[in-house]
Amino acid sequence: MTMVNDINGKAIEFESALNLMDAELCEQINNEMTGDEDEQWYIERYAQAHADKYDGEEFAPFFGLAW
């Protein structure tokens, strides 16, 4: 189980958050990766991409919202 921090520094399970991510956005992010990134980078990048795609909507797991 891999843990990452949400925007408030609270530990969350990366794999659980990953299950809620938009597959198209994940593919886009995977294509951006160079190999030096970790799960923390990934969830932070995903949160930004999610907001961009969904008119500012916050990705619940990263922003401490109900999921």
PDB file of N, CA and C in Angstrom:
ATOM      1  N   MET A   1       0.845  -1.169   0.000  1.00  0.00           N
ATOM      2  CA  MET A   1       0.000   0.000   0.000  1.00  0.00           C
ATOM      3  C   MET A   1       0.896   1.240   0.000  1.00  0.00           C
ATOM      4  N   THR A   2       0.715   2.076  -1.002  1.00  0.00           N
ATOM      5  CA  THR A   2       1.488   3.302  -1.125  1.00  0.00           C
ATOM      6  C   THR A   2       0.673   4.466  -0.588  1.00  0.00           C
ATOM      7  N   MET A   3       1.292   5.230   0.287  1.00  0.00           N
ATOM      8  CA  MET A   3       0.619   6.392   0.864  1.00  0.00           C
ATOM      9  C   MET A   3       1.187   7.667   0.235  1.00  0.00           C
ATOM     10  N   VAL A   4       0.296   8.639  -0.008  1.00  0.00           N
ATOM     11  CA  VAL A   4       0.678   9.972  -0.479  1.00  0.00           C
ATOM     12  C   VAL A   4      -0.034  10.976   0.413  1.00  0.00           C
ATOM     13  N   ASN A   5       0.371  12.219   0.327  1.00  0.00           N
ATOM     14  CA  ASN A   5      -0.271  13.265   1.119  1.00  0.00           C
ATOM     15  C   ASN A   5      -1.253  14.048   0.272  1.00  0.00           C
ATOM     16  N   ASP A   6      -2.408  14.355   0.883  1.00  0.00           N
ATOM     17  CA  ASP A   6      -3.341  15.236   0.200  1.00  0.00           C
ATOM     18  C   ASP A   6      -2.874  16.675   0.366  1.00  0.00           C
ATOM     19  N   ILE A   7      -3.634  17.622  -0.090  1.00  0.00           N
ATOM     20  CA  ILE A   7      -3.222  19.023  -0.057  1.00  0.00           C
ATOM     21  C   ILE A   7      -3.019  19.532   1.372  1.00  0.00           C
ATOM     22  N   ASN A   8      -3.661  18.877   2.341  1.00  0.00           N
ATOM     23  CA  ASN A   8      -3.549  19.264   3.747  1.00  0.00           C
ATOM     24  C   ASN A   8      -2.489  18.482   4.506  1.00  0.00           C
ATOM     25  N   GLY A   9      -1.764  17.605   3.803  1.00  0.00           N
ATOM     26  CA  GLY A   9      -0.718  16.817   4.439  1.00  0.00           C
ATOM     27  C   GLY A   9      -1.216  15.533   5.083  1.00  0.00           C
ATOM     28  N   LYS A  10      -2.487  15.210   4.899  1.00  0.00           N
ATOM     29  CA  LYS A  10      -3.053  13.969   5.445  1.00  0.00           C
ATOM     30  C   LYS A  10      -2.724  12.809   4.503  1.00  0.00           C
ATOM     31  N   ALA A  11      -2.280  11.712   5.076  1.00  0.00           N
ATOM     32  CA  ALA A  11      -1.927  10.536   4.278  1.00  0.00           C
ATOM     33  C   ALA A  11      -3.178   9.854   3.734  1.00  0.00           C
ATOM     34  N   ILE A  12      -3.134   9.529   2.439  1.00  0.00           N
ATOM     35  CA  ILE A  12      -4.203   8.777   1.792  1.00  0.00           C
ATOM     36  C   ILE A  12      -3.583   7.659   0.969  1.00  0.00           C
ATOM     37  N   GLU A  13      -4.349   6.613   0.719  1.00  0.00           N
ATOM     38  CA  GLU A  13      -3.869   5.493  -0.086  1.00  0.00           C
ATOM     39  C   GLU A  13      -3.879   5.878  -1.561  1.00  0.00           C
ATOM     40  N   PHE A  14      -2.728   5.821  -2.174  1.00  0.00           N
ATOM     41  CA  PHE A  14      -2.610   6.181  -3.578  1.00  0.00           C
ATOM     42  C   PHE A  14      -3.457   5.278  -4.463  1.00  0.00           C
ATOM     43  N   GLU A  15      -3.409   3.980  -4.226  1.00  0.00           N
ATOM     44  CA  GLU A  15      -4.127   3.033  -5.076  1.00  0.00           C
ATOM     45  C   GLU A  15      -5.633   3.272  -5.027  1.00  0.00           C
ATOM     46  N   SER A  16      -6.158   3.629  -3.859  1.00  0.00           N
ATOM     47  CA  SER A  16      -7.589   3.915  -3.741  1.00  0.00           C
ATOM     48  C   SER A  16      -7.954   5.165  -4.534  1.00  0.00           C
ATOM     49  N   ALA A  17      -7.113   6.180  -4.448  1.00  0.00           N
ATOM     50  CA  ALA A  17      -7.351   7.402  -5.217  1.00  0.00           C
ATOM     51  C   ALA A  17      -7.234   7.113  -6.712  1.00  0.00           C
ATOM     52  N   LEU A  18      -6.268   6.295  -7.082  1.00  0.00           N
ATOM     53  CA  LEU A  18      -6.050   5.940  -8.480  1.00  0.00           C
ATOM     54  C   LEU A  18      -7.296   5.302  -9.090  1.00  0.00           C
ATOM     55  N   ASN A  19      -7.997   4.503  -8.311  1.00  0.00           N
ATOM     56  CA  ASN A  19      -9.214   3.847  -8.794  1.00  0.00           C
ATOM     57  C   ASN A  19     -10.309   4.842  -9.169  1.00  0.00           C
ATOM     58  N   LEU A  20     -10.229   6.064  -8.674  1.00  0.00           N
ATOM     59  CA  LEU A  20     -11.234   7.085  -8.961  1.00  0.00           C
ATOM     60  C   LEU A  20     -10.812   8.039 -10.078  1.00  0.00           C
ATOM     61  N   MET A  21      -9.607   7.875 -10.581  1.00  0.00           N
ATOM     62  CA  MET A  21      -9.085   8.802 -11.581  1.00  0.00           C
ATOM     63  C   MET A  21      -9.636   8.512 -12.970  1.00  0.00           C
ATOM     64  N   ASP A  22      -9.767   9.564 -13.748  1.00  0.00           N
ATOM     65  CA  ASP A  22     -10.210   9.513 -15.134  1.00  0.00           C
ATOM     66  C   ASP A  22      -9.114   8.840 -15.970  1.00  0.00           C
ATOM     67  N   ALA A  23      -9.468   7.768 -16.655  1.00  0.00           N
ATOM     68  CA  ALA A  23      -8.489   6.989 -17.423  1.00  0.00           C
ATOM     69  C   ALA A  23      -7.802   7.829 -18.500  1.00  0.00           C
ATOM     70  N   GLU A  24      -8.537   8.711 -19.147  1.00  0.00           N
ATOM     71  CA  GLU A  24      -7.957   9.563 -20.182  1.00  0.00           C
ATOM     72  C   GLU A  24      -6.895  10.497 -19.601  1.00  0.00           C
ATOM     73  N   LEU A  25      -7.180  11.065 -18.437  1.00  0.00           N
ATOM     74  CA  LEU A  25      -6.207  11.935 -17.787  1.00  0.00           C
ATOM     75  C   LEU A  25      -4.982  11.143 -17.338  1.00  0.00           C
ATOM     76  N   CYS A  26      -5.202   9.943 -16.837  1.00  0.00           N
ATOM     77  CA  CYS A  26      -4.071   9.106 -16.417  1.00  0.00           C
ATOM     78  C   CYS A  26      -3.168   8.789 -17.597  1.00  0.00           C
ATOM     79  N   GLU A  27      -3.760   8.501 -18.736  1.00  0.00           N
ATOM     80  CA  GLU A  27      -2.961   8.218 -19.930  1.00  0.00           C
ATOM     81  C   GLU A  27      -2.141   9.449 -20.316  1.00  0.00           C
ATOM     82  N   GLN A  28      -2.763  10.616 -20.267  1.00  0.00           N
ATOM     83  CA  GLN A  28      -2.063  11.863 -20.580  1.00  0.00           C
ATOM     84  C   GLN A  28      -0.875  12.067 -19.635  1.00  0.00           C
ATOM     85  N   ILE A  29      -1.100  11.854 -18.352  1.00  0.00           N
ATOM     86  CA  ILE A  29      -0.041  12.043 -17.353  1.00  0.00           C
ATOM     87  C   ILE A  29       1.054  11.001 -17.544  1.00  0.00           C
ATOM     88  N   ASN A  30       0.666   9.764 -17.792  1.00  0.00           N
ATOM     89  CA  ASN A  30       1.660   8.713 -18.028  1.00  0.00           C
ATOM     90  C   ASN A  30       2.573   9.077 -19.195  1.00  0.00           C
ATOM     91  N   ASN A  31       2.023   9.720 -20.213  1.00  0.00           N
ATOM     92  CA  ASN A  31       2.820  10.124 -21.374  1.00  0.00           C
ATOM     93  C   ASN A  31       3.775  11.269 -21.049  1.00  0.00           C
ATOM     94  N   GLU A  32       3.498  12.022 -19.989  1.00  0.00           N
ATOM     95  CA  GLU A  32       4.362  13.123 -19.568  1.00  0.00           C
ATOM     96  C   GLU A  32       5.542  12.654 -18.719  1.00  0.00           C
ATOM     97  N   MET A  33       5.436  11.473 -18.180  1.00  0.00           N
ATOM     98  CA  MET A  33       6.425  11.002 -17.215  1.00  0.00           C
ATOM     99  C   MET A  33       7.768  10.702 -17.871  1.00  0.00           C
ATOM    100  N   THR A  34       8.826  11.052 -17.144  1.00  0.00           N
ATOM    101  CA  THR A  34      10.181  10.816 -17.637  1.00  0.00           C
ATOM    102  C   THR A  34      10.878   9.690 -16.880  1.00  0.00           C
ATOM    103  N   GLY A  35      10.283   9.257 -15.768  1.00  0.00           N
ATOM    104  CA  GLY A  35      10.872   8.183 -14.978  1.00  0.00           C
ATOM    105  C   GLY A  35      11.349   8.616 -13.608  1.00  0.00           C
ATOM    106  N   ASP A  36      11.428   9.910 -13.375  1.00  0.00           N
ATOM    107  CA  ASP A  36      11.887  10.419 -12.082  1.00  0.00           C
ATOM    108  C   ASP A  36      10.734  10.722 -11.122  1.00  0.00           C
ATOM    109  N   GLU A  37       9.510  10.616 -11.602  1.00  0.00           N
ATOM    110  CA  GLU A  37       8.346  10.987 -10.815  1.00  0.00           C
ATOM    111  C   GLU A  37       7.968   9.889  -9.824  1.00  0.00           C
ATOM    112  N   ASP A  38       7.315  10.305  -8.745  1.00  0.00           N
ATOM    113  CA  ASP A  38       6.805   9.338  -7.775  1.00  0.00           C
ATOM    114  C   ASP A  38       5.302   9.501  -7.661  1.00  0.00           C
ATOM    115  N   GLU A  39       4.686   8.738  -6.788  1.00  0.00           N
ATOM    116  CA  GLU A  39       3.239   8.774  -6.626  1.00  0.00           C
ATOM    117  C   GLU A  39       2.750  10.139  -6.142  1.00  0.00           C
ATOM    118  N   GLN A  40       3.546  10.802  -5.314  1.00  0.00           N
ATOM    119  CA  GLN A  40       3.143  12.127  -4.829  1.00  0.00           C
ATOM    120  C   GLN A  40       3.058  13.107  -6.001  1.00  0.00           C
ATOM    121  N   TRP A  41       4.056  13.083  -6.852  1.00  0.00           N
ATOM    122  CA  TRP A  41       4.025  13.927  -8.046  1.00  0.00           C
ATOM    123  C   TRP A  41       2.794  13.603  -8.874  1.00  0.00           C
ATOM    124  N   TYR A  42       2.515  12.319  -9.025  1.00  0.00           N
ATOM    125  CA  TYR A  42       1.414  11.875  -9.876  1.00  0.00           C
ATOM    126  C   TYR A  42       0.078  12.404  -9.370  1.00  0.00           C
ATOM    127  N   ILE A  43      -0.188  12.270  -8.080  1.00  0.00           N
ATOM    128  CA  ILE A  43      -1.488  12.714  -7.585  1.00  0.00           C
ATOM    129  C   ILE A  43      -1.612  14.237  -7.642  1.00  0.00           C
ATOM    130  N   GLU A  44      -0.520  14.932  -7.424  1.00  0.00           N
ATOM    131  CA  GLU A  44      -0.559  16.395  -7.540  1.00  0.00           C
ATOM    132  C   GLU A  44      -0.804  16.815  -8.989  1.00  0.00           C
ATOM    133  N   ARG A  45      -0.141  16.165  -9.924  1.00  0.00           N
ATOM    134  CA  ARG A  45      -0.337  16.455 -11.342  1.00  0.00           C
ATOM    135  C   ARG A  45      -1.750  16.098 -11.767  1.00  0.00           C
ATOM    136  N   TYR A  46      -2.243  14.962 -11.258  1.00  0.00           N
ATOM    137  CA  TYR A  46      -3.603  14.553 -11.598  1.00  0.00           C
ATOM    138  C   TYR A  46      -4.625  15.569 -11.081  1.00  0.00           C
ATOM    139  N   ALA A  47      -4.453  16.038  -9.866  1.00  0.00           N
ATOM    140  CA  ALA A  47      -5.393  17.005  -9.295  1.00  0.00           C
ATOM    141  C   ALA A  47      -5.483  18.247 -10.181  1.00  0.00           C
ATOM    142  N   GLN A  48      -4.348  18.706 -10.692  1.00  0.00           N
ATOM    143  CA  GLN A  48      -4.355  19.880 -11.577  1.00  0.00           C
ATOM    144  C   GLN A  48      -5.043  19.562 -12.894  1.00  0.00           C
ATOM    145  N   ALA A  49      -4.725  18.421 -13.481  1.00  0.00           N
ATOM    146  CA  ALA A  49      -5.330  18.032 -14.753  1.00  0.00           C
ATOM    147  C   ALA A  49      -6.838  17.841 -14.603  1.00  0.00           C
ATOM    148  N   HIS A  50      -7.255  17.284 -13.479  1.00  0.00           N
ATOM    149  CA  HIS A  50      -8.681  17.078 -13.195  1.00  0.00           C
ATOM    150  C   HIS A  50      -9.402  18.419 -13.153  1.00  0.00           C
ATOM    151  N   ALA A  51      -8.834  19.374 -12.439  1.00  0.00           N
ATOM    152  CA  ALA A  51      -9.438  20.711 -12.347  1.00  0.00           C
ATOM    153  C   ALA A  51      -9.508  21.369 -13.724  1.00  0.00           C
ATOM    154  N   ASP A  52      -8.457  21.205 -14.516  1.00  0.00           N
ATOM    155  CA  ASP A  52      -8.440  21.789 -15.861  1.00  0.00           C
ATOM    156  C   ASP A  52      -9.543  21.194 -16.738  1.00  0.00           C
ATOM    157  N   LYS A  53      -9.705  19.897 -16.680  1.00  0.00           N
ATOM    158  CA  LYS A  53     -10.694  19.215 -17.532  1.00  0.00           C
ATOM    159  C   LYS A  53     -12.116  19.453 -17.063  1.00  0.00           C
ATOM    160  N   TYR A  54     -12.315  19.510 -15.767  1.00  0.00           N
ATOM    161  CA  TYR A  54     -13.665  19.573 -15.205  1.00  0.00           C
ATOM    162  C   TYR A  54     -13.992  20.946 -14.619  1.00  0.00           C
ATOM    163  N   ASP A  55     -13.606  21.999 -15.314  1.00  0.00           N
ATOM    164  CA  ASP A  55     -13.992  23.376 -14.970  1.00  0.00           C
ATOM    165  C   ASP A  55     -13.743  23.740 -13.517  1.00  0.00           C
ATOM    166  N   GLY A  56     -12.568  23.399 -13.018  1.00  0.00           N
ATOM    167  CA  GLY A  56     -12.187  23.788 -11.668  1.00  0.00           C
ATOM    168  C   GLY A  56     -12.601  22.827 -10.573  1.00  0.00           C
ATOM    169  N   GLU A  57     -13.290  21.749 -10.929  1.00  0.00           N
ATOM    170  CA  GLU A  57     -13.710  20.765  -9.918  1.00  0.00           C
ATOM    171  C   GLU A  57     -12.491  20.164  -9.230  1.00  0.00           C
ATOM    172  N   GLU A  58     -12.528  20.108  -7.912  1.00  0.00           N
ATOM    173  CA  GLU A  58     -11.427  19.547  -7.145  1.00  0.00           C
ATOM    174  C   GLU A  58     -11.528  18.023  -7.104  1.00  0.00           C
ATOM    175  N   PHE A  59     -10.394  17.356  -7.238  1.00  0.00           N
ATOM    176  CA  PHE A  59     -10.339  15.901  -7.135  1.00  0.00           C
ATOM    177  C   PHE A  59     -10.456  15.549  -5.652  1.00  0.00           C
ATOM    178  N   ALA A  60     -11.577  14.971  -5.272  1.00  0.00           N
ATOM    179  CA  ALA A  60     -11.949  14.765  -3.869  1.00  0.00           C
ATOM    180  C   ALA A  60     -10.853  14.172  -2.995  1.00  0.00           C
ATOM    181  N   PRO A  61     -10.210  13.060  -3.379  1.00  0.00           N
ATOM    182  CA  PRO A  61      -9.200  12.489  -2.482  1.00  0.00           C
ATOM    183  C   PRO A  61      -8.046  13.450  -2.171  1.00  0.00           C
ATOM    184  N   PHE A  62      -7.638  14.251  -3.137  1.00  0.00           N
ATOM    185  CA  PHE A  62      -6.507  15.146  -2.928  1.00  0.00           C
ATOM    186  C   PHE A  62      -6.891  16.368  -2.107  1.00  0.00           C
ATOM    187  N   PHE A  63      -8.128  16.775  -2.186  1.00  0.00           N
ATOM    188  CA  PHE A  63      -8.551  17.991  -1.483  1.00  0.00           C
ATOM    189  C   PHE A  63      -9.302  17.717  -0.181  1.00  0.00           C
ATOM    190  N   GLY A  64      -9.237  16.497   0.314  1.00  0.00           N
ATOM    191  CA  GLY A  64      -9.829  16.172   1.603  1.00  0.00           C
ATOM    192  C   GLY A  64     -11.349  16.170   1.589  1.00  0.00           C
ATOM    193  N   LEU A  65     -11.938  15.989   0.431  1.00  0.00           N
ATOM    194  CA  LEU A  65     -13.392  15.958   0.302  1.00  0.00           C
ATOM    195  C   LEU A  65     -13.891  14.527   0.406  1.00  0.00           C
ATOM    196  N   ALA A  66     -15.174  14.342   0.579  1.00  0.00           N
ATOM    197  CA  ALA A  66     -15.761  13.003   0.674  1.00  0.00           C
ATOM    198  C   ALA A  66     -15.581  12.273  -0.665  1.00  0.00           C
ATOM    199  N   TRP A  67     -15.161  11.033  -0.586  1.00  0.00           N
ATOM    200  CA  TRP A  67     -15.022  10.198  -1.771  1.00  0.00           C
ATOM    201  C   TRP A  67     -15.570   8.874  -1.476  1.00  0.00           C
TER     202      TRP A  67
END
